[in-house]
Amino acid sequence: MRVVLFFVSLLLAFPVAAAEKGRSTAQGVNQQMATAQAMRGVPKGATVVDTTCKEFAVGAFTYRFQCTVHWAQ
């Protein structure tokens, strides 16, 4: 019973209308292009919270970047 009351109190502590969150992912030949492409998916008025990029090989000496932009509104 205590566990149930604990979780109910946690739910009541958080605001009912939480901020909308999302992410946008894109690939490009360099990190700047991939980030810029991912930024195009961020809604107008949203705040960018985090940006992460990964580099991966697509050929012998060819690399691409995949960047994800996390946003909140």
C-alpha atoms as a PDB file:
ATOM      1  CA  MET A   1       0.000   0.000   0.000  1.00  0.00           C
ATOM      2  CA  ARG A   2       2.867   2.359   0.770  1.00  0.00           C
ATOM      3  CA  VAL A   3       4.300   1.793  -2.686  1.00  0.00           C
ATOM      4  CA  VAL A   4       1.024   2.762  -4.321  1.00  0.00           C
ATOM      5  CA  LEU A   5       0.771   5.925  -2.234  1.00  0.00           C
ATOM      6  CA  PHE A   6       4.370   6.783  -3.072  1.00  0.00           C
ATOM      7  CA  PHE A   7       3.749   6.544  -6.829  1.00  0.00           C
ATOM      8  CA  VAL A   8       0.506   8.495  -6.593  1.00  0.00           C
ATOM      9  CA  SER A   9       2.311  11.269  -4.726  1.00  0.00           C
ATOM     10  CA  LEU A  10       4.993  11.318  -7.437  1.00  0.00           C
ATOM     11  CA  LEU A  11       2.378  11.685 -10.150  1.00  0.00           C
ATOM     12  CA  LEU A  12       0.726  14.560  -8.311  1.00  0.00           C
ATOM     13  CA  ALA A  13       4.082  16.302  -7.873  1.00  0.00           C
ATOM     14  CA  PHE A  14       4.628  16.634 -11.622  1.00  0.00           C
ATOM     15  CA  PRO A  15       2.697  19.202 -13.654  1.00  0.00           C
ATOM     16  CA  VAL A  16      -0.177  17.801 -15.662  1.00  0.00           C
ATOM     17  CA  ALA A  17       0.736  19.629 -18.857  1.00  0.00           C
ATOM     18  CA  ALA A  18       4.280  18.460 -19.567  1.00  0.00           C
ATOM     19  CA  ALA A  19       6.363  20.129 -22.237  1.00  0.00           C
ATOM     20  CA  GLU A  20       6.352  18.511 -25.642  1.00  0.00           C
ATOM     21  CA  LYS A  21       9.667  16.866 -26.467  1.00  0.00           C
ATOM     22  CA  GLY A  22      11.031  15.420 -29.650  1.00  0.00           C
ATOM     23  CA  ARG A  23      14.034  14.708 -31.763  1.00  0.00           C
ATOM     24  CA  SER A  24      15.127  15.062 -35.339  1.00  0.00           C
ATOM     25  CA  THR A  25      17.820  12.917 -36.983  1.00  0.00           C
ATOM     26  CA  ALA A  26      19.672  13.450 -40.260  1.00  0.00           C
ATOM     27  CA  GLN A  27      22.784  12.269 -42.099  1.00  0.00           C
ATOM     28  CA  GLY A  28      25.386  14.224 -44.011  1.00  0.00           C
ATOM     29  CA  VAL A  29      28.889  14.120 -45.454  1.00  0.00           C
ATOM     30  CA  ASN A  30      30.183  16.223 -42.544  1.00  0.00           C
ATOM     31  CA  GLN A  31      29.022  17.051 -39.054  1.00  0.00           C
ATOM     32  CA  GLN A  32      27.907  20.594 -39.907  1.00  0.00           C
ATOM     33  CA  MET A  33      25.680  19.470 -42.777  1.00  0.00           C
ATOM     34  CA  ALA A  34      24.101  16.660 -40.749  1.00  0.00           C
ATOM     35  CA  THR A  35      23.395  19.004 -37.833  1.00  0.00           C
ATOM     36  CA  ALA A  36      21.920  21.669 -40.122  1.00  0.00           C
ATOM     37  CA  GLN A  37      19.665  19.092 -41.787  1.00  0.00           C
ATOM     38  CA  ALA A  38      18.477  17.804 -38.381  1.00  0.00           C
ATOM     39  CA  MET A  39      17.790  21.388 -37.215  1.00  0.00           C
ATOM     40  CA  ARG A  40      15.310  21.763 -40.096  1.00  0.00           C
ATOM     41  CA  GLY A  41      13.094  19.236 -38.299  1.00  0.00           C
ATOM     42  CA  VAL A  42      12.866  21.302 -35.100  1.00  0.00           C
ATOM     43  CA  PRO A  43       9.481  23.083 -34.791  1.00  0.00           C
ATOM     44  CA  LYS A  44       9.409  26.860 -34.754  1.00  0.00           C
ATOM     45  CA  GLY A  45       9.649  28.199 -31.205  1.00  0.00           C
ATOM     46  CA  ALA A  46      11.173  25.011 -29.772  1.00  0.00           C
ATOM     47  CA  THR A  47      14.373  25.048 -27.727  1.00  0.00           C
ATOM     48  CA  VAL A  48      17.233  22.750 -28.693  1.00  0.00           C
ATOM     49  CA  VAL A  49      18.248  20.783 -25.598  1.00  0.00           C
ATOM     50  CA  ASP A  50      21.010  18.503 -26.913  1.00  0.00           C
ATOM     51  CA  THR A  51      22.838  17.590 -30.120  1.00  0.00           C
ATOM     52  CA  THR A  52      24.699  14.324 -30.639  1.00  0.00           C
ATOM     53  CA  CYS A  53      26.607  13.092 -33.686  1.00  0.00           C
ATOM     54  CA  LYS A  54      28.036   9.724 -34.673  1.00  0.00           C
ATOM     55  CA  GLU A  55      30.557   9.031 -37.406  1.00  0.00           C
ATOM     56  CA  PHE A  56      30.342   5.778 -39.342  1.00  0.00           C
ATOM     57  CA  ALA A  57      32.185   4.281 -42.295  1.00  0.00           C
ATOM     58  CA  VAL A  58      30.321   3.678 -45.550  1.00  0.00           C
ATOM     59  CA  GLY A  59      33.300   2.628 -47.651  1.00  0.00           C
ATOM     60  CA  ALA A  60      37.060   2.089 -47.560  1.00  0.00           C
ATOM     61  CA  PHE A  61      37.911   5.711 -46.724  1.00  0.00           C
ATOM     62  CA  THR A  62      34.445   7.247 -46.800  1.00  0.00           C
ATOM     63  CA  TYR A  63      32.619   8.419 -43.688  1.00  0.00           C
ATOM     64  CA  ARG A  64      29.204   9.909 -42.976  1.00  0.00           C
ATOM     65  CA  PHE A  65      27.763  11.584 -39.931  1.00  0.00           C
ATOM     66  CA  GLN A  66      24.406  10.984 -38.280  1.00  0.00           C
ATOM     67  CA  CYS A  67      23.309  13.800 -35.971  1.00  0.00           C
ATOM     68  CA  THR A  68      20.304  13.920 -33.661  1.00  0.00           C
ATOM     69  CA  VAL A  69      18.881  17.149 -32.279  1.00  0.00           C
ATOM     70  CA  HIS A  70      16.711  16.855 -29.146  1.00  0.00           C
ATOM     71  CA  TRP A  71      14.231  19.685 -28.590  1.00  0.00           C
ATOM     72  CA  ALA A  72      11.556  20.748 -26.107  1.00  0.00           C
ATOM     73  CA  GLN A  73       8.634  23.127 -26.517  1.00  0.00           C
END
